[in-house]
Amino acid sequence: MTLEQLRIFLAVARHEHVTRAAKQLNLTQSAVSAARAALEAQHGVALFDRVGRGIALNEAGRGFLPRAAEVLRRAEEARRWLADLRGGETGTLRLQASQTVASYALPRHLMRFRARHPGIALSFRQGNTAQVLAALRAGEADLGLVEGRIDGAEFETEVIGEDRLLLLTAPDHPWQHRAPGPADLAQGDWVLREPGSGTRAQFDAEMQALGVAILPVLELPSNEACIAAVETGHGATVLSALAAAPHLERGHVRAASLAFPRRLFHAVTHRARHRSRAATAFLDLLRDG
C-alpha cells in the first residue's frame, strides 16, 4: 500500500462519499475509486459496504481507520523533521489554543510572528484546554497555548502570562449588593463553560475547595454565550477577566465580590515529540512579551 492510497482511504472514510472525497483531494472521482479498489484488492479485504447509493465503512474499515491515520501522521512527522533539519524560514507551525488565550492573548503574537518570520506558514485552531492537550498527544499540533493547570508528565510547560477569574452577573443581581456565601453559591443559577475548558476546571476546583457542590443550569461552549445568558438578569457566570473586560466597560455585566486566585497561561509541548525550529521561534517571541 502507498501513502497516497491511505490518504484517499481516509478522505473517503471521512465523507463516506467518493465524489466529496475527490473534491477535497482535488482528484477525479475515477482516480479516488481506483485507489480505493486497488487498496482493497491488494489485501483481499473490503473496507466499505455499499449502502443505497452511498458507501459506509464496514467493520474491517473501522478497524483499519485509526491505523491508517497513525501511519500518515507518522509520515508527516518524519517529513516535518527532515524539513526542520534543512533549516531556513520555511514550513508550517501548527498552533492550537484554548478559547480565552486564542481570543484575547494570542492575536498580537500571531501578527508579530508573521512579520518576523514571513516564510513560516501558521496553521491555527481553537478548542478548549482538553482539546488542545488531545491534539498535542495525537501529534496534530506542535505547540499548545492554554490557561489553567496542566496534568500529565508527558507535557512540558512554560508560563507565558496570567489572568484572574471574575464572578459576573447582571447589574441588578442580588449578589451585586452582598457578597455570596457558600450557601448562596450552592443555590445559584450558574451558566458555565463546558467541561474540558480551563475556566471551568479552575472554577470547579475552587468550589470543591469550598465544599460547594455546583449544578449548572446551562453549560455553553463560549465566553460570549455565557455573558449573553447572564445579561438577561438571570444567573451568574465565571469567566476570565480578559474575556469580561469589554462587557464590563459597556456595563452589561458587573463583577461580584468573590475573589479567585490568579491563574497562569501556559505554552505546552509534548516531551516525546520533536520541537521544530518554528515552534522554538514562537516560544522565543512569547518570552519577549
C-alpha atoms as a PDB file:
ATOM      1  CA  MET A   1       0.000   0.000   0.000  1.00  0.00           C
ATOM      2  CA  THR A   2       1.095   3.581  -0.597  1.00  0.00           C
ATOM      3  CA  LEU A   3       0.733   6.748   1.433  1.00  0.00           C
ATOM      4  CA  GLU A   4      -1.450   8.155  -1.332  1.00  0.00           C
ATOM      5  CA  GLN A   5      -3.810   5.175  -1.028  1.00  0.00           C
ATOM      6  CA  LEU A   6      -4.029   5.752   2.712  1.00  0.00           C
ATOM      7  CA  ARG A   7      -4.702   9.449   2.197  1.00  0.00           C
ATOM      8  CA  ILE A   8      -7.510   8.642  -0.218  1.00  0.00           C
ATOM      9  CA  PHE A   9      -8.926   5.961   2.090  1.00  0.00           C
ATOM     10  CA  LEU A  10      -9.099   8.442   4.976  1.00  0.00           C
ATOM     11  CA  ALA A  11     -10.850  11.059   2.858  1.00  0.00           C
ATOM     12  CA  VAL A  12     -13.428   8.556   1.598  1.00  0.00           C
ATOM     13  CA  ALA A  13     -13.929   7.257   5.135  1.00  0.00           C
ATOM     14  CA  ARG A  14     -14.410  10.786   6.456  1.00  0.00           C
ATOM     15  CA  HIS A  15     -17.017  11.718   3.877  1.00  0.00           C
ATOM     16  CA  GLU A  16     -18.403   8.224   3.156  1.00  0.00           C
ATOM     17  CA  HIS A  17     -18.807   9.585  -0.344  1.00  0.00           C
ATOM     18  CA  VAL A  18     -16.394   9.234  -3.283  1.00  0.00           C
ATOM     19  CA  THR A  19     -17.336  12.473  -5.033  1.00  0.00           C
ATOM     20  CA  ARG A  20     -16.947  14.627  -1.925  1.00  0.00           C
ATOM     21  CA  ALA A  21     -13.635  12.928  -1.098  1.00  0.00           C
ATOM     22  CA  ALA A  22     -12.393  13.582  -4.631  1.00  0.00           C
ATOM     23  CA  LYS A  23     -13.327  17.243  -4.344  1.00  0.00           C
ATOM     24  CA  GLN A  24     -11.457  17.571  -1.045  1.00  0.00           C
ATOM     25  CA  LEU A  25      -8.359  15.907  -2.510  1.00  0.00           C
ATOM     26  CA  ASN A  26      -8.564  17.770  -5.832  1.00  0.00           C
ATOM     27  CA  LEU A  27      -8.628  14.451  -7.704  1.00  0.00           C
ATOM     28  CA  THR A  28     -11.015  12.957 -10.200  1.00  0.00           C
ATOM     29  CA  GLN A  29     -13.740  10.648  -8.966  1.00  0.00           C
ATOM     30  CA  SER A  30     -12.331   7.823 -11.070  1.00  0.00           C
ATOM     31  CA  ALA A  31      -8.859   8.237  -9.515  1.00  0.00           C
ATOM     32  CA  VAL A  32     -10.296   8.030  -5.999  1.00  0.00           C
ATOM     33  CA  SER A  33     -12.420   4.990  -6.860  1.00  0.00           C
ATOM     34  CA  ALA A  34      -9.437   3.262  -8.469  1.00  0.00           C
ATOM     35  CA  ALA A  35      -7.166   3.885  -5.482  1.00  0.00           C
ATOM     36  CA  ARG A  36      -9.798   2.601  -3.063  1.00  0.00           C
ATOM     37  CA  ALA A  37     -10.396  -0.500  -5.162  1.00  0.00           C
ATOM     38  CA  ALA A  38      -6.665  -1.162  -5.529  1.00  0.00           C
ATOM     39  CA  LEU A  39      -6.123  -0.974  -1.774  1.00  0.00           C
ATOM     40  CA  GLU A  40      -8.913  -3.469  -1.143  1.00  0.00           C
ATOM     41  CA  ALA A  41      -7.765  -5.785  -3.957  1.00  0.00           C
ATOM     42  CA  GLN A  42      -4.121  -5.808  -2.874  1.00  0.00           C
ATOM     43  CA  HIS A  43      -5.083  -7.123   0.545  1.00  0.00           C
ATOM     44  CA  GLY A  44      -8.218  -9.049  -0.297  1.00  0.00           C
ATOM     45  CA  VAL A  45     -10.309  -7.129   2.236  1.00  0.00           C
ATOM     46  CA  ALA A  46     -13.384  -4.979   1.601  1.00  0.00           C
ATOM     47  CA  LEU A  47     -13.250  -1.823   3.715  1.00  0.00           C
ATOM     48  CA  PHE A  48     -16.587  -0.285   2.676  1.00  0.00           C
ATOM     49  CA  ASP A  49     -20.117  -1.560   2.194  1.00  0.00           C
ATOM     50  CA  ARG A  50     -22.477  -0.247  -0.440  1.00  0.00           C
ATOM     51  CA  VAL A  51     -25.480   1.342   1.309  1.00  0.00           C
ATOM     52  CA  GLY A  52     -28.124   2.514  -1.143  1.00  0.00           C
ATOM     53  CA  ARG A  53     -26.415   4.983  -3.468  1.00  0.00           C
ATOM     54  CA  GLY A  54     -23.620   5.638  -0.979  1.00  0.00           C
ATOM     55  CA  ILE A  55     -20.893   3.757   0.871  1.00  0.00           C
ATOM     56  CA  ALA A  56     -20.122   3.224   4.546  1.00  0.00           C
ATOM     57  CA  LEU A  57     -17.179   1.837   6.465  1.00  0.00           C
ATOM     58  CA  ASN A  58     -17.677  -1.779   7.423  1.00  0.00           C
ATOM     59  CA  GLU A  59     -16.167  -3.492  10.471  1.00  0.00           C
ATOM     60  CA  ALA A  60     -12.812  -4.035   8.733  1.00  0.00           C
ATOM     61  CA  GLY A  61     -12.740  -0.417   7.573  1.00  0.00           C
ATOM     62  CA  ARG A  62     -13.478   0.886  11.054  1.00  0.00           C
ATOM     63  CA  GLY A  63     -10.624  -1.205  12.432  1.00  0.00           C
ATOM     64  CA  PHE A  64      -8.248  -0.055   9.705  1.00  0.00           C
ATOM     65  CA  LEU A  65      -9.130   3.649  10.070  1.00  0.00           C
ATOM     66  CA  PRO A  66      -7.039   4.540  13.172  1.00  0.00           C
ATOM     67  CA  ARG A  67      -4.097   2.502  11.866  1.00  0.00           C
ATOM     68  CA  ALA A  68      -4.130   4.301   8.528  1.00  0.00           C
ATOM     69  CA  ALA A  69      -4.400   7.661  10.266  1.00  0.00           C
ATOM     70  CA  GLU A  70      -1.427   6.823  12.507  1.00  0.00           C
ATOM     71  CA  VAL A  71       0.751   5.833   9.537  1.00  0.00           C
ATOM     72  CA  LEU A  72       0.011   9.120   7.775  1.00  0.00           C
ATOM     73  CA  ARG A  73       0.603  11.078  10.954  1.00  0.00           C
ATOM     74  CA  ARG A  74       4.000   9.434  11.443  1.00  0.00           C
ATOM     75  CA  ALA A  75       4.926  10.020   7.803  1.00  0.00           C
ATOM     76  CA  GLU A  76       4.037  13.699   8.136  1.00  0.00           C
ATOM     77  CA  GLU A  77       6.031  13.893  11.364  1.00  0.00           C
ATOM     78  CA  ALA A  78       9.054  12.395   9.583  1.00  0.00           C
ATOM     79  CA  ARG A  79       8.673  14.837   6.690  1.00  0.00           C
ATOM     80  CA  ARG A  80       8.491  17.777   9.055  1.00  0.00           C
ATOM     81  CA  TRP A  81      11.540  16.516  10.987  1.00  0.00           C
ATOM     82  CA  LEU A  82      13.628  16.317   7.810  1.00  0.00           C
ATOM     83  CA  ALA A  83      12.422  19.742   6.689  1.00  0.00           C
ATOM     84  CA  ASP A  84      13.381  21.152  10.077  1.00  0.00           C
ATOM     85  CA  LEU A  85      16.897  19.707   9.777  1.00  0.00           C
ATOM     86  CA  ARG A  86      17.245  21.529   6.464  1.00  0.00           C
ATOM     87  CA  GLY A  87      16.696  24.754   8.372  1.00  0.00           C
ATOM     88  CA  GLY A  88      15.626  28.038   6.931  1.00  0.00           C
ATOM     89  CA  GLU A  89      12.477  30.081   7.285  1.00  0.00           C
ATOM     90  CA  THR A  90      10.067  27.579   5.733  1.00  0.00           C
ATOM     91  CA  GLY A  91       7.423  25.101   6.817  1.00  0.00           C
ATOM     92  CA  THR A  92       4.257  25.298   8.859  1.00  0.00           C
ATOM     93  CA  LEU A  93       3.772  25.914  12.572  1.00  0.00           C
ATOM     94  CA  ARG A  94       0.651  24.167  13.851  1.00  0.00           C
ATOM     95  CA  LEU A  95      -0.734  26.086  16.816  1.00  0.00           C
ATOM     96  CA  GLN A  96      -3.768  25.218  18.900  1.00  0.00           C
ATOM     97  CA  ALA A  97      -5.043  27.431  21.721  1.00  0.00           C
ATOM     98  CA  SER A  98      -7.853  27.400  24.232  1.00  0.00           C
ATOM     99  CA  GLN A  99     -10.588  29.967  23.758  1.00  0.00           C
ATOM    100  CA  THR A 100      -9.527  32.641  26.241  1.00  0.00           C
ATOM    101  CA  VAL A 101      -5.896  32.612  25.095  1.00  0.00           C
ATOM    102  CA  ALA A 102      -6.904  32.468  21.420  1.00  0.00           C
ATOM    103  CA  SER A 103      -9.315  35.366  21.621  1.00  0.00           C
ATOM    104  CA  TYR A 104      -7.577  37.783  23.976  1.00  0.00           C
ATOM    105  CA  ALA A 105      -3.889  36.976  24.449  1.00  0.00           C
ATOM    106  CA  LEU A 106      -2.715  35.409  21.189  1.00  0.00           C
ATOM    107  CA  PRO A 107      -3.672  37.606  18.186  1.00  0.00           C
ATOM    108  CA  ARG A 108      -0.955  40.224  18.671  1.00  0.00           C
ATOM    109  CA  HIS A 109       1.671  37.483  18.945  1.00  0.00           C
ATOM    110  CA  LEU A 110       0.458  35.876  15.714  1.00  0.00           C
ATOM    111  CA  MET A 111       0.862  39.156  13.872  1.00  0.00           C
ATOM    112  CA  ARG A 112       4.319  39.753  15.342  1.00  0.00           C
ATOM    113  CA  PHE A 113       5.421  36.240  14.384  1.00  0.00           C
ATOM    114  CA  ARG A 114       4.093  36.640  10.847  1.00  0.00           C
ATOM    115  CA  ALA A 115       6.060  39.878  10.445  1.00  0.00           C
ATOM    116  CA  ARG A 116       9.235  38.389  11.913  1.00  0.00           C
ATOM    117  CA  HIS A 117       9.048  35.017  10.094  1.00  0.00           C
ATOM    118  CA  PRO A 118       7.178  35.554   6.806  1.00  0.00           C
ATOM    119  CA  GLY A 119       8.401  32.268   5.347  1.00  0.00           C
ATOM    120  CA  ILE A 120       6.678  30.150   8.029  1.00  0.00           C
ATOM    121  CA  ALA A 121       3.006  29.411   7.477  1.00  0.00           C
ATOM    122  CA  LEU A 122       0.741  29.464  10.512  1.00  0.00           C
ATOM    123  CA  SER A 123      -1.945  26.813  10.938  1.00  0.00           C
ATOM    124  CA  PHE A 124      -4.178  27.776  13.853  1.00  0.00           C
ATOM    125  CA  ARG A 125      -7.069  26.001  15.541  1.00  0.00           C
ATOM    126  CA  GLN A 126      -9.093  26.874  18.624  1.00  0.00           C
ATOM    127  CA  GLY A 127     -10.516  24.487  21.189  1.00  0.00           C
ATOM    128  CA  ASN A 128     -10.860  24.114  24.911  1.00  0.00           C
ATOM    129  CA  THR A 129      -7.919  23.067  27.078  1.00  0.00           C
ATOM    130  CA  ALA A 130      -8.756  19.348  26.898  1.00  0.00           C
ATOM    131  CA  GLN A 131      -8.943  19.505  23.103  1.00  0.00           C
ATOM    132  CA  VAL A 132      -5.605  21.300  22.855  1.00  0.00           C
ATOM    133  CA  LEU A 133      -3.882  18.667  25.002  1.00  0.00           C
ATOM    134  CA  ALA A 134      -5.501  15.883  22.947  1.00  0.00           C
ATOM    135  CA  ALA A 135      -4.141  17.483  19.753  1.00  0.00           C
ATOM    136  CA  LEU A 136      -0.641  17.568  21.246  1.00  0.00           C
ATOM    137  CA  ARG A 137      -0.898  13.904  22.251  1.00  0.00           C
ATOM    138  CA  ALA A 138      -2.074  12.954  18.759  1.00  0.00           C
ATOM    139  CA  GLY A 139       0.684  14.924  17.050  1.00  0.00           C
ATOM    140  CA  GLU A 140      -1.855  17.241  15.412  1.00  0.00           C
ATOM    141  CA  ALA A 141      -0.332  20.376  16.953  1.00  0.00           C
ATOM    142  CA  ASP A 142       3.259  21.468  17.505  1.00  0.00           C
ATOM    143  CA  LEU A 143       2.514  23.955  20.251  1.00  0.00           C
ATOM    144  CA  GLY A 144      -0.464  24.431  22.557  1.00  0.00           C
ATOM    145  CA  LEU A 145      -1.428  27.588  24.440  1.00  0.00           C
ATOM    146  CA  VAL A 146      -3.822  27.114  27.326  1.00  0.00           C
ATOM    147  CA  GLU A 147      -4.981  28.511  30.630  1.00  0.00           C
ATOM    148  CA  GLY A 148      -5.182  26.670  33.913  1.00  0.00           C
ATOM    149  CA  ARG A 149      -3.480  23.632  35.352  1.00  0.00           C
ATOM    150  CA  ILE A 150      -1.834  21.055  33.087  1.00  0.00           C
ATOM    151  CA  ASP A 151      -1.856  17.443  34.242  1.00  0.00           C
ATOM    152  CA  GLY A 152       0.413  14.850  32.699  1.00  0.00           C
ATOM    153  CA  ALA A 153       4.147  14.185  32.826  1.00  0.00           C
ATOM    154  CA  GLU A 154       4.190  13.880  29.022  1.00  0.00           C
ATOM    155  CA  PHE A 155       3.875  17.654  28.664  1.00  0.00           C
ATOM    156  CA  GLU A 156       6.499  20.347  29.003  1.00  0.00           C
ATOM    157  CA  THR A 157       5.006  23.677  30.048  1.00  0.00           C
ATOM    158  CA  GLU A 158       6.172  27.260  30.277  1.00  0.00           C
ATOM    159  CA  VAL A 159       4.302  30.199  31.816  1.00  0.00           C
ATOM    160  CA  ILE A 160       3.576  32.897  29.230  1.00  0.00           C
ATOM    161  CA  GLY A 161       1.106  35.111  31.102  1.00  0.00           C
ATOM    162  CA  GLU A 162      -1.553  35.258  33.774  1.00  0.00           C
ATOM    163  CA  ASP A 163      -5.176  36.142  34.334  1.00  0.00           C
ATOM    164  CA  ARG A 164      -7.852  36.023  37.011  1.00  0.00           C
ATOM    165  CA  LEU A 165     -11.402  34.698  37.056  1.00  0.00           C
ATOM    166  CA  LEU A 166     -14.318  37.011  37.827  1.00  0.00           C
ATOM    167  CA  LEU A 167     -17.812  36.229  39.092  1.00  0.00           C
ATOM    168  CA  LEU A 168     -20.164  38.062  36.727  1.00  0.00           C
ATOM    169  CA  THR A 169     -23.865  38.887  36.943  1.00  0.00           C
ATOM    170  CA  ALA A 170     -26.274  41.461  35.548  1.00  0.00           C
ATOM    171  CA  PRO A 171     -26.045  44.844  37.333  1.00  0.00           C
ATOM    172  CA  ASP A 172     -29.287  44.293  39.283  1.00  0.00           C
ATOM    173  CA  HIS A 173     -28.455  40.792  40.534  1.00  0.00           C
ATOM    174  CA  PRO A 174     -28.664  40.382  44.362  1.00  0.00           C
ATOM    175  CA  TRP A 175     -25.006  39.351  44.511  1.00  0.00           C
ATOM    176  CA  GLN A 176     -24.045  42.869  43.448  1.00  0.00           C
ATOM    177  CA  HIS A 177     -25.362  44.136  46.799  1.00  0.00           C
ATOM    178  CA  ARG A 178     -23.951  41.452  49.079  1.00  0.00           C
ATOM    179  CA  ALA A 179     -21.119  39.016  48.655  1.00  0.00           C
ATOM    180  CA  PRO A 180     -22.372  35.443  48.130  1.00  0.00           C
ATOM    181  CA  GLY A 181     -21.523  32.888  50.785  1.00  0.00           C
ATOM    182  CA  PRO A 182     -21.159  29.134  50.269  1.00  0.00           C
ATOM    183  CA  ALA A 183     -24.908  28.543  50.623  1.00  0.00           C
ATOM    184  CA  ASP A 184     -25.639  31.225  48.010  1.00  0.00           C
ATOM    185  CA  LEU A 185     -23.102  29.715  45.647  1.00  0.00           C
ATOM    186  CA  ALA A 186     -24.582  26.244  46.034  1.00  0.00           C
ATOM    187  CA  GLN A 187     -28.070  27.531  45.202  1.00  0.00           C
ATOM    188  CA  GLY A 188     -27.061  29.873  42.365  1.00  0.00           C
ATOM    189  CA  ASP A 189     -28.326  29.588  38.806  1.00  0.00           C
ATOM    190  CA  TRP A 190     -24.980  29.011  37.150  1.00  0.00           C
ATOM    191  CA  VAL A 191     -24.207  29.471  33.467  1.00  0.00           C
ATOM    192  CA  LEU A 192     -20.790  27.913  32.949  1.00  0.00           C
ATOM    193  CA  ARG A 193     -18.320  26.970  30.251  1.00  0.00           C
ATOM    194  CA  GLU A 194     -18.349  23.365  29.139  1.00  0.00           C
ATOM    195  CA  PRO A 195     -16.361  20.634  30.926  1.00  0.00           C
ATOM    196  CA  GLY A 196     -12.889  20.490  29.433  1.00  0.00           C
ATOM    197  CA  SER A 197     -12.357  24.250  29.384  1.00  0.00           C
ATOM    198  CA  GLY A 198      -9.616  25.682  31.601  1.00  0.00           C
ATOM    199  CA  THR A 199     -12.035  28.241  33.022  1.00  0.00           C
ATOM    200  CA  ARG A 200     -14.472  25.543  34.078  1.00  0.00           C
ATOM    201  CA  ALA A 201     -11.722  23.377  35.549  1.00  0.00           C
ATOM    202  CA  GLN A 202     -10.456  26.170  37.801  1.00  0.00           C
ATOM    203  CA  PHE A 203     -13.951  27.161  38.899  1.00  0.00           C
ATOM    204  CA  ASP A 204     -14.845  23.554  39.758  1.00  0.00           C
ATOM    205  CA  ALA A 205     -11.608  23.218  41.737  1.00  0.00           C
ATOM    206  CA  GLU A 206     -12.297  26.418  43.687  1.00  0.00           C
ATOM    207  CA  MET A 207     -15.845  25.345  44.529  1.00  0.00           C
ATOM    208  CA  GLN A 208     -14.643  21.901  45.589  1.00  0.00           C
ATOM    209  CA  ALA A 209     -12.116  23.543  47.911  1.00  0.00           C
ATOM    210  CA  LEU A 210     -15.001  25.493  49.493  1.00  0.00           C
ATOM    211  CA  GLY A 211     -17.071  22.327  49.842  1.00  0.00           C
ATOM    212  CA  VAL A 212     -19.694  23.728  47.459  1.00  0.00           C
ATOM    213  CA  ALA A 213     -21.477  21.431  45.002  1.00  0.00           C
ATOM    214  CA  ILE A 214     -22.414  23.233  41.780  1.00  0.00           C
ATOM    215  CA  LEU A 215     -25.093  22.068  39.357  1.00  0.00           C
ATOM    216  CA  PRO A 216     -25.162  24.487  36.400  1.00  0.00           C
ATOM    217  CA  VAL A 217     -28.446  25.319  34.713  1.00  0.00           C
ATOM    218  CA  LEU A 218     -26.582  25.875  31.429  1.00  0.00           C
ATOM    219  CA  GLU A 219     -23.237  24.758  30.020  1.00  0.00           C
ATOM    220  CA  LEU A 220     -22.192  26.811  26.997  1.00  0.00           C
ATOM    221  CA  PRO A 221     -19.214  26.488  24.619  1.00  0.00           C
ATOM    222  CA  SER A 222     -18.044  30.107  24.535  1.00  0.00           C
ATOM    223  CA  ASN A 223     -17.334  33.068  26.792  1.00  0.00           C
ATOM    224  CA  GLU A 224     -19.655  35.279  24.755  1.00  0.00           C
ATOM    225  CA  ALA A 225     -22.551  32.857  25.118  1.00  0.00           C
ATOM    226  CA  CYS A 226     -22.137  32.807  28.908  1.00  0.00           C
ATOM    227  CA  ILE A 227     -22.088  36.622  29.023  1.00  0.00           C
ATOM    228  CA  ALA A 228     -25.175  36.863  26.804  1.00  0.00           C
ATOM    229  CA  ALA A 229     -27.066  34.475  29.084  1.00  0.00           C
ATOM    230  CA  VAL A 230     -26.423  36.366  32.325  1.00  0.00           C
ATOM    231  CA  GLU A 231     -27.007  39.780  30.723  1.00  0.00           C
ATOM    232  CA  THR A 232     -30.709  38.866  30.797  1.00  0.00           C
ATOM    233  CA  GLY A 233     -30.661  39.412  34.561  1.00  0.00           C
ATOM    234  CA  HIS A 234     -30.793  35.728  35.479  1.00  0.00           C
ATOM    235  CA  GLY A 235     -27.960  33.607  36.750  1.00  0.00           C
ATOM    236  CA  ALA A 236     -24.242  34.080  37.214  1.00  0.00           C
ATOM    237  CA  THR A 237     -21.142  33.033  35.364  1.00  0.00           C
ATOM    238  CA  VAL A 238     -17.403  32.898  35.966  1.00  0.00           C
ATOM    239  CA  LEU A 239     -15.060  33.949  33.180  1.00  0.00           C
ATOM    240  CA  SER A 240     -11.608  35.315  32.503  1.00  0.00           C
ATOM    241  CA  ALA A 241     -11.046  38.959  33.373  1.00  0.00           C
ATOM    242  CA  LEU A 242      -9.695  39.377  29.827  1.00  0.00           C
ATOM    243  CA  ALA A 243     -12.887  37.984  28.319  1.00  0.00           C
ATOM    244  CA  ALA A 244     -15.082  40.046  30.636  1.00  0.00           C
ATOM    245  CA  ALA A 245     -13.297  43.388  30.170  1.00  0.00           C
ATOM    246  CA  PRO A 246     -15.215  44.763  27.148  1.00  0.00           C
ATOM    247  CA  HIS A 247     -18.563  43.741  28.643  1.00  0.00           C
ATOM    248  CA  LEU A 248     -17.696  45.349  31.972  1.00  0.00           C
ATOM    249  CA  GLU A 249     -16.766  48.558  30.168  1.00  0.00           C
ATOM    250  CA  ARG A 250     -20.148  48.643  28.459  1.00  0.00           C
ATOM    251  CA  GLY A 251     -21.918  47.997  31.776  1.00  0.00           C
ATOM    252  CA  HIS A 252     -23.715  44.897  30.533  1.00  0.00           C
ATOM    253  CA  VAL A 253     -22.426  42.870  33.479  1.00  0.00           C
ATOM    254  CA  ARG A 254     -20.639  43.584  36.728  1.00  0.00           C
ATOM    255  CA  ALA A 255     -18.139  41.675  38.804  1.00  0.00           C
ATOM    256  CA  ALA A 256     -19.417  40.451  42.175  1.00  0.00           C
ATOM    257  CA  SER A 257     -17.322  40.267  45.338  1.00  0.00           C
ATOM    258  CA  LEU A 258     -15.832  36.813  45.123  1.00  0.00           C
ATOM    259  CA  ALA A 259     -12.055  36.614  44.889  1.00  0.00           C
ATOM    260  CA  PHE A 260     -10.310  33.942  42.851  1.00  0.00           C
ATOM    261  CA  PRO A 261      -6.562  33.302  42.842  1.00  0.00           C
ATOM    262  CA  ARG A 262      -4.645  34.166  39.704  1.00  0.00           C
ATOM    263  CA  ARG A 263      -4.316  31.555  37.005  1.00  0.00           C
ATOM    264  CA  LEU A 264      -1.455  31.085  34.582  1.00  0.00           C
ATOM    265  CA  PHE A 265      -1.340  30.853  30.813  1.00  0.00           C
ATOM    266  CA  HIS A 266       0.990  28.113  29.572  1.00  0.00           C
ATOM    267  CA  ALA A 267       2.740  27.218  26.353  1.00  0.00           C
ATOM    268  CA  VAL A 268       2.682  23.422  26.110  1.00  0.00           C
ATOM    269  CA  THR A 269       4.682  20.946  24.030  1.00  0.00           C
ATOM    270  CA  HIS A 270       4.816  17.156  24.094  1.00  0.00           C
ATOM    271  CA  ARG A 271       8.057  15.842  25.558  1.00  0.00           C
ATOM    272  CA  ALA A 272       8.196  12.816  23.240  1.00  0.00           C
ATOM    273  CA  ARG A 273       7.826  14.819  20.029  1.00  0.00           C
ATOM    274  CA  HIS A 274      10.428  16.805  18.124  1.00  0.00           C
ATOM    275  CA  ARG A 275      10.166  20.535  18.747  1.00  0.00           C
ATOM    276  CA  SER A 276      10.543  22.296  15.430  1.00  0.00           C
ATOM    277  CA  ARG A 277      12.587  25.434  14.810  1.00  0.00           C
ATOM    278  CA  ALA A 278       9.311  27.226  14.108  1.00  0.00           C
ATOM    279  CA  ALA A 279       7.859  26.233  17.491  1.00  0.00           C
ATOM    280  CA  THR A 280      11.059  27.325  19.229  1.00  0.00           C
ATOM    281  CA  ALA A 281      10.920  30.651  17.391  1.00  0.00           C
ATOM    282  CA  PHE A 282       7.336  31.214  18.516  1.00  0.00           C
ATOM    283  CA  LEU A 283       8.264  30.417  22.117  1.00  0.00           C
ATOM    284  CA  ASP A 284      11.133  32.897  21.916  1.00  0.00           C
ATOM    285  CA  LEU A 285       8.680  35.540  20.704  1.00  0.00           C
ATOM    286  CA  LEU A 286       6.316  34.811  23.599  1.00  0.00           C
ATOM    287  CA  ARG A 287       9.183  35.146  26.068  1.00  0.00           C
ATOM    288  CA  ASP A 288       9.995  38.557  24.621  1.00  0.00           C
ATOM    289  CA  GLY A 289       6.450  39.660  25.514  1.00  0.00           C
END
